[in-house]
């Protein structure tokens, strides 16, 4: 979504729009229309800058991405910690 690069489904993070907020759906279990992006803060920044979330979910206005950003950054920090050890 953000960087527009293709990747296998297991490499992407599914995102859902729930009550005006972008919510991570790592197991892909939430019902409804979802969007996929790389679990990378840079990819998320591009998606926000391009206003890709409202288009993907076919919604008007902006969506809060704070929860999604926290999830992605936490995951990125965990990945960098495991690479250092």
Protein backbone atom coordinates (compact mmCIF):
# COMPACT_ATOMS: atom_id res chain seq x y z
CA UNK A 1 0.00 0.00 0.00
CA UNK A 2 2.63 2.51 0.99
CA UNK A 3 5.62 1.60 -1.14
CA UNK A 4 3.49 -0.23 -3.73
CA UNK A 5 6.00 -3.08 -3.95
CA UNK A 6 4.67 -6.60 -4.30
CA UNK A 7 5.36 -9.23 -1.69
CA UNK A 8 4.03 -12.57 -0.55
CA UNK A 9 0.98 -12.37 1.68
CA UNK A 10 2.85 -13.75 4.70
CA UNK A 11 5.33 -10.86 4.46
CA UNK A 12 2.61 -8.23 4.67
CA UNK A 13 0.51 -6.95 7.55
CA UNK A 14 -3.26 -6.85 7.13
CA UNK A 15 -4.85 -3.63 8.31
CA UNK A 16 -8.52 -3.01 9.05
CA UNK A 17 -10.55 0.17 9.57
CA UNK A 18 -12.48 -0.05 12.84
CA UNK A 19 -14.45 2.97 14.05
CA UNK A 20 -12.26 5.55 12.29
CA UNK A 21 -8.99 3.90 13.24
CA UNK A 22 -6.50 1.73 11.36
CA UNK A 23 -6.06 -1.46 13.36
CA UNK A 24 -3.45 -4.17 12.73
CA UNK A 25 -4.87 -7.62 11.99
CA UNK A 26 -1.80 -9.90 12.02
CA UNK A 27 -3.85 -13.12 11.99
CA UNK A 28 -6.20 -11.93 9.25
CA UNK A 29 -9.22 -12.90 11.33
CA UNK A 30 -11.23 -9.68 11.42
CA UNK A 31 -14.20 -9.60 9.05
CA UNK A 32 -14.51 -7.05 6.28
CA UNK A 33 -12.38 -5.25 3.79
CA UNK A 34 -8.70 -5.17 4.65
CA UNK A 35 -5.59 -3.60 3.19
CA UNK A 36 -2.03 -4.95 3.24
CA UNK A 37 1.26 -3.17 3.75
CA UNK A 38 4.81 -4.03 4.71
CA UNK A 39 5.30 -4.00 8.49
CA UNK A 40 7.85 -1.21 8.11
CA UNK A 41 7.54 2.36 9.48
CA UNK A 42 8.75 3.83 6.15
CA UNK A 43 6.01 2.00 4.24
CA UNK A 44 3.42 3.22 6.75
CA UNK A 45 4.67 6.81 6.36
CA UNK A 46 4.26 6.60 2.60
CA UNK A 47 0.74 5.19 2.93
CA UNK A 48 -0.27 8.01 5.29
CA UNK A 49 1.31 10.67 3.09
CA UNK A 50 -0.46 9.33 -0.01
CA UNK A 51 -3.79 9.06 1.88
CA UNK A 52 -3.95 5.41 0.84
CA UNK A 53 -5.97 4.13 3.80
CA UNK A 54 -9.23 5.99 3.12
CA UNK A 55 -9.04 4.96 -0.54
CA UNK A 56 -8.32 1.32 0.29
CA UNK A 57 -11.21 1.13 2.73
CA UNK A 58 -13.48 3.28 0.55
CA UNK A 59 -14.07 5.76 3.37
CA UNK A 60 -14.24 9.54 3.55
CA UNK A 61 -11.94 11.60 5.76
CA UNK A 62 -8.83 10.60 7.63
CA UNK A 63 -8.16 7.56 9.78
CA UNK A 64 -6.18 7.49 13.02
CA UNK A 65 -3.00 5.46 12.54
CA UNK A 66 -1.47 5.80 16.04
CA UNK A 67 -2.32 2.23 17.11
CA UNK A 68 -1.04 0.81 13.82
CA UNK A 69 2.17 2.85 14.07
CA UNK A 70 2.78 1.60 17.61
CA UNK A 71 2.31 -2.02 16.51
CA UNK A 72 4.68 -1.65 13.53
CA UNK A 73 7.36 0.17 15.52
CA UNK A 74 7.17 -2.39 18.34
CA UNK A 75 7.55 -5.19 15.81
CA UNK A 76 10.46 -3.41 14.10
CA UNK A 77 12.20 -2.91 17.46
CA UNK A 78 11.74 -6.60 18.28
CA UNK A 79 13.22 -7.61 14.94
CA UNK A 80 16.27 -5.41 15.40
CA UNK A 81 16.78 -6.74 18.96
CA UNK A 82 16.75 -10.35 17.76
CA UNK A 83 19.25 -9.56 14.98
CA UNK A 84 21.68 -8.00 17.49
CA UNK A 85 21.79 -11.10 19.73
